[in-house]
Structure formats: C-alpha cells, structure tokens
Amino acid sequence: MAKRSIIKINEEKCNGCGLCIPNCKEGALQIIGGKARLVSDVFCDGLGACLGHCPEGAIAIGKTRQKCNKSAFRSFEGARRA
C-alpha cells in the first residue's frame, strides 16, 4: 500500500484554540480533551488547509500507509450536512 499525506498534531504545542477546525473542510478535526485531534485518518485529505491557521505551529504534514476511504468520507459528509 502506498503512503499518503496526512496531518500530524503535536499535542505538546497545541493550545486547544480550535482555529484549525473551521479550516478543515473535510471535518477531520475536533477538540477532544482540550486539544485538536484528528478524528479519523480516512477523513484527512492531507492538503493541510488547517496548517496556516494554527498559531502554535502544532500541525505538520506527515505520511501514513492508510489509503483515503472515499466512501466513508462521503457517508460522514452526508451525516454532517443533515
């Protein structure tokens, strides 16, 4: 399986401000336990639209071996819009 880009969040740097969340159009981020968290690797498109909105520089692009599950993403998007 090929590697693909995905965001990585440095929990020590994250202050939980949530500025990254509205800039993630895939809905892959949430504040959980006072920190930004990637809800699921399959939702992240790896383009990093959230990167420039983190005042602490806690978000970076990394690699994963997991493929993007487009059908899971479409199901999530439909539920989120309902």
N, C-alpha and C. Protein backbone atom coordinates (compact mmCIF):
# COMPACT_ATOMS: atom_id res chain seq x y z
N MET A 1 0.85 -1.18 0.00
CA MET A 1 0.00 0.00 0.00
C MET A 1 0.90 1.24 0.00
N ALA A 2 0.58 2.18 -0.83
CA ALA A 2 1.37 3.42 -0.93
C ALA A 2 1.10 4.34 0.24
N LYS A 3 2.10 5.14 0.56
CA LYS A 3 1.92 6.14 1.61
C LYS A 3 1.17 7.34 1.05
N ARG A 4 0.43 8.02 1.91
CA ARG A 4 -0.25 9.25 1.50
C ARG A 4 -0.04 10.30 2.59
N SER A 5 -0.22 11.55 2.23
CA SER A 5 -0.05 12.65 3.17
C SER A 5 -1.23 12.73 4.13
N ILE A 6 -0.93 13.14 5.35
CA ILE A 6 -1.94 13.30 6.38
C ILE A 6 -1.37 14.29 7.40
N ILE A 7 -2.24 15.00 8.09
CA ILE A 7 -1.72 15.94 9.09
C ILE A 7 -1.35 15.20 10.37
N LYS A 8 -0.38 15.76 11.07
CA LYS A 8 0.04 15.26 12.38
C LYS A 8 -0.05 16.43 13.34
N ILE A 9 -0.57 16.22 14.54
CA ILE A 9 -0.72 17.28 15.53
C ILE A 9 0.21 17.01 16.70
N ASN A 10 1.04 17.99 17.01
CA ASN A 10 1.94 17.91 18.15
C ASN A 10 1.13 18.33 19.38
N GLU A 11 0.78 17.38 20.22
CA GLU A 11 -0.07 17.64 21.38
C GLU A 11 0.57 18.59 22.39
N GLU A 12 1.89 18.59 22.47
CA GLU A 12 2.57 19.49 23.40
C GLU A 12 2.47 20.95 22.96
N LYS A 13 2.44 21.18 21.66
CA LYS A 13 2.34 22.54 21.14
C LYS A 13 0.90 23.04 21.06
N CYS A 14 -0.06 22.14 20.86
CA CYS A 14 -1.46 22.53 20.68
C CYS A 14 -2.01 23.16 21.96
N ASN A 15 -2.61 24.35 21.81
CA ASN A 15 -3.21 25.01 22.98
C ASN A 15 -4.74 24.87 22.99
N GLY A 16 -5.30 24.13 22.03
CA GLY A 16 -6.74 23.87 22.01
C GLY A 16 -7.59 25.04 21.55
N CYS A 17 -7.00 26.00 20.85
CA CYS A 17 -7.75 27.20 20.44
C CYS A 17 -8.85 26.89 19.42
N GLY A 18 -8.69 25.83 18.63
CA GLY A 18 -9.71 25.43 17.67
C GLY A 18 -9.71 26.18 16.35
N LEU A 19 -8.72 27.04 16.10
CA LEU A 19 -8.70 27.78 14.84
C LEU A 19 -8.52 26.89 13.62
N CYS A 20 -7.97 25.72 13.80
CA CYS A 20 -7.77 24.78 12.70
C CYS A 20 -9.09 24.15 12.24
N ILE A 21 -10.03 23.98 13.15
CA ILE A 21 -11.24 23.21 12.87
C ILE A 21 -12.11 23.78 11.75
N PRO A 22 -12.46 25.07 11.74
CA PRO A 22 -13.29 25.56 10.65
C PRO A 22 -12.57 25.59 9.30
N ASN A 23 -11.25 25.46 9.32
CA ASN A 23 -10.48 25.48 8.09
C ASN A 23 -10.25 24.10 7.52
N CYS A 24 -10.70 23.08 8.20
CA CYS A 24 -10.65 21.71 7.70
C CYS A 24 -12.00 21.40 7.08
N LYS A 25 -12.08 21.50 5.78
CA LYS A 25 -13.36 21.30 5.08
C LYS A 25 -13.82 19.85 5.10
N GLU A 26 -12.92 18.93 5.44
CA GLU A 26 -13.27 17.51 5.49
C GLU A 26 -13.89 17.11 6.82
N GLY A 27 -13.83 18.00 7.82
CA GLY A 27 -14.39 17.67 9.12
C GLY A 27 -13.56 16.64 9.87
N ALA A 28 -12.25 16.61 9.60
CA ALA A 28 -11.38 15.60 10.19
C ALA A 28 -10.86 15.99 11.57
N LEU A 29 -11.09 17.23 12.01
CA LEU A 29 -10.55 17.70 13.28
C LEU A 29 -11.65 18.03 14.28
N GLN A 30 -11.37 17.76 15.55
CA GLN A 30 -12.26 18.14 16.65
C GLN A 30 -11.41 18.46 17.86
N ILE A 31 -11.95 19.25 18.77
CA ILE A 31 -11.29 19.47 20.05
C ILE A 31 -11.78 18.37 20.99
N ILE A 32 -10.85 17.58 21.50
CA ILE A 32 -11.15 16.49 22.41
C ILE A 32 -10.15 16.59 23.56
N GLY A 33 -10.64 16.68 24.76
CA GLY A 33 -9.76 16.79 25.91
C GLY A 33 -8.91 18.05 25.89
N GLY A 34 -9.46 19.14 25.29
CA GLY A 34 -8.76 20.41 25.26
C GLY A 34 -7.68 20.53 24.22
N LYS A 35 -7.59 19.57 23.30
CA LYS A 35 -6.57 19.58 22.25
C LYS A 35 -7.22 19.25 20.91
N ALA A 36 -6.66 19.78 19.82
CA ALA A 36 -7.13 19.41 18.49
C ALA A 36 -6.72 17.97 18.23
N ARG A 37 -7.63 17.22 17.69
CA ARG A 37 -7.37 15.80 17.39
C ARG A 37 -7.86 15.48 15.99
N LEU A 38 -7.16 14.61 15.32
CA LEU A 38 -7.60 14.08 14.04
C LEU A 38 -8.64 13.01 14.36
N VAL A 39 -9.89 13.24 13.98
CA VAL A 39 -10.98 12.33 14.30
C VAL A 39 -10.77 10.96 13.65
N SER A 40 -10.36 10.98 12.39
CA SER A 40 -10.10 9.73 11.67
C SER A 40 -9.15 10.02 10.52
N ASP A 41 -8.16 9.16 10.36
CA ASP A 41 -7.21 9.31 9.26
C ASP A 41 -7.89 9.32 7.90
N VAL A 42 -9.00 8.59 7.77
CA VAL A 42 -9.65 8.48 6.46
C VAL A 42 -10.29 9.79 6.01
N PHE A 43 -10.60 10.69 6.94
CA PHE A 43 -11.22 11.96 6.56
C PHE A 43 -10.20 13.00 6.11
N CYS A 44 -8.97 12.91 6.56
CA CYS A 44 -7.94 13.91 6.24
C CYS A 44 -7.49 13.76 4.80
N ASP A 45 -7.56 14.85 4.02
CA ASP A 45 -7.11 14.79 2.63
C ASP A 45 -5.61 15.05 2.49
N GLY A 46 -4.96 15.46 3.57
CA GLY A 46 -3.52 15.66 3.55
C GLY A 46 -3.05 16.92 2.86
N LEU A 47 -3.98 17.80 2.50
CA LEU A 47 -3.60 19.04 1.81
C LEU A 47 -3.17 20.13 2.78
N GLY A 48 -3.54 20.01 4.03
CA GLY A 48 -3.08 20.94 5.05
C GLY A 48 -3.73 22.30 5.08
N ALA A 49 -5.01 22.38 4.73
CA ALA A 49 -5.71 23.67 4.78
C ALA A 49 -5.71 24.23 6.20
N CYS A 50 -5.57 23.38 7.19
CA CYS A 50 -5.57 23.78 8.61
C CYS A 50 -4.21 24.33 9.06
N LEU A 51 -3.14 24.01 8.35
CA LEU A 51 -1.77 24.35 8.77
C LEU A 51 -1.57 25.82 9.11
N GLY A 52 -1.93 26.69 8.22
CA GLY A 52 -1.67 28.11 8.39
C GLY A 52 -2.51 28.79 9.45
N HIS A 53 -3.45 28.08 10.01
CA HIS A 53 -4.36 28.68 11.00
C HIS A 53 -3.99 28.33 12.43
N CYS A 54 -2.94 27.55 12.60
CA CYS A 54 -2.51 27.17 13.95
C CYS A 54 -1.46 28.17 14.43
N PRO A 55 -1.80 28.97 15.45
CA PRO A 55 -0.86 29.99 15.93
C PRO A 55 0.35 29.40 16.66
N GLU A 56 0.26 28.13 17.04
CA GLU A 56 1.34 27.48 17.79
C GLU A 56 2.25 26.63 16.91
N GLY A 57 1.89 26.47 15.62
CA GLY A 57 2.68 25.62 14.73
C GLY A 57 2.62 24.16 15.13
N ALA A 58 1.49 23.73 15.67
CA ALA A 58 1.35 22.37 16.17
C ALA A 58 0.97 21.36 15.09
N ILE A 59 0.65 21.84 13.87
CA ILE A 59 0.20 20.95 12.81
C ILE A 59 1.26 20.86 11.72
N ALA A 60 1.54 19.64 11.29
CA ALA A 60 2.50 19.40 10.21
C ALA A 60 1.94 18.31 9.30
N ILE A 61 2.51 18.21 8.12
CA ILE A 61 2.13 17.15 7.18
C ILE A 61 3.07 15.97 7.40
N GLY A 62 2.49 14.79 7.52
CA GLY A 62 3.26 13.57 7.66
C GLY A 62 2.78 12.56 6.64
N LYS A 63 3.19 11.34 6.79
CA LYS A 63 2.80 10.26 5.87
C LYS A 63 2.18 9.12 6.64
N THR A 64 1.27 8.43 5.99
CA THR A 64 0.66 7.23 6.55
C THR A 64 0.53 6.20 5.45
N ARG A 65 0.41 4.97 5.83
CA ARG A 65 0.22 3.89 4.84
C ARG A 65 -1.26 3.65 4.55
N GLN A 66 -2.13 4.29 5.29
CA GLN A 66 -3.57 4.08 5.12
C GLN A 66 -4.07 4.84 3.90
N LYS A 67 -4.86 4.19 3.08
CA LYS A 67 -5.46 4.84 1.93
C LYS A 67 -6.67 5.67 2.34
N CYS A 68 -6.98 6.69 1.56
CA CYS A 68 -8.16 7.50 1.81
C CYS A 68 -9.41 6.68 1.46
N ASN A 69 -10.33 6.57 2.38
CA ASN A 69 -11.56 5.82 2.18
C ASN A 69 -12.64 6.80 1.74
N LYS A 70 -12.79 6.97 0.45
CA LYS A 70 -13.72 7.97 -0.07
C LYS A 70 -15.17 7.66 0.25
N SER A 71 -15.56 6.39 0.32
CA SER A 71 -16.95 6.08 0.64
C SER A 71 -17.26 6.43 2.10
N ALA A 72 -16.30 6.20 3.00
CA ALA A 72 -16.50 6.59 4.40
C ALA A 72 -16.60 8.10 4.52
N PHE A 73 -15.79 8.80 3.76
CA PHE A 73 -15.82 10.26 3.78
C PHE A 73 -17.17 10.77 3.29
N ARG A 74 -17.68 10.21 2.20
CA ARG A 74 -18.97 10.65 1.67
C ARG A 74 -20.09 10.39 2.68
N SER A 75 -20.05 9.25 3.38
CA SER A 75 -21.06 8.95 4.40
C SER A 75 -20.99 9.96 5.53
N PHE A 76 -19.77 10.30 5.95
CA PHE A 76 -19.60 11.27 7.02
C PHE A 76 -20.11 12.64 6.57
N GLU A 77 -19.77 13.06 5.37
CA GLU A 77 -20.20 14.36 4.85
C GLU A 77 -21.72 14.44 4.80
N GLY A 78 -22.38 13.37 4.36
CA GLY A 78 -23.84 13.37 4.29
C GLY A 78 -24.46 13.49 5.67
N ALA A 79 -23.90 12.81 6.65
CA ALA A 79 -24.41 12.88 8.01
C ALA A 79 -24.14 14.24 8.62
N ARG A 80 -22.99 14.83 8.30
CA ARG A 80 -22.64 16.14 8.86
C ARG A 80 -23.55 17.25 8.33
N ARG A 81 -23.97 17.13 7.11
CA ARG A 81 -24.82 18.17 6.50
C ARG A 81 -26.28 18.02 6.90
N ALA A 82 -26.65 16.86 7.39
CA ALA A 82 -28.06 16.61 7.76
C ALA A 82 -28.45 17.32 9.02
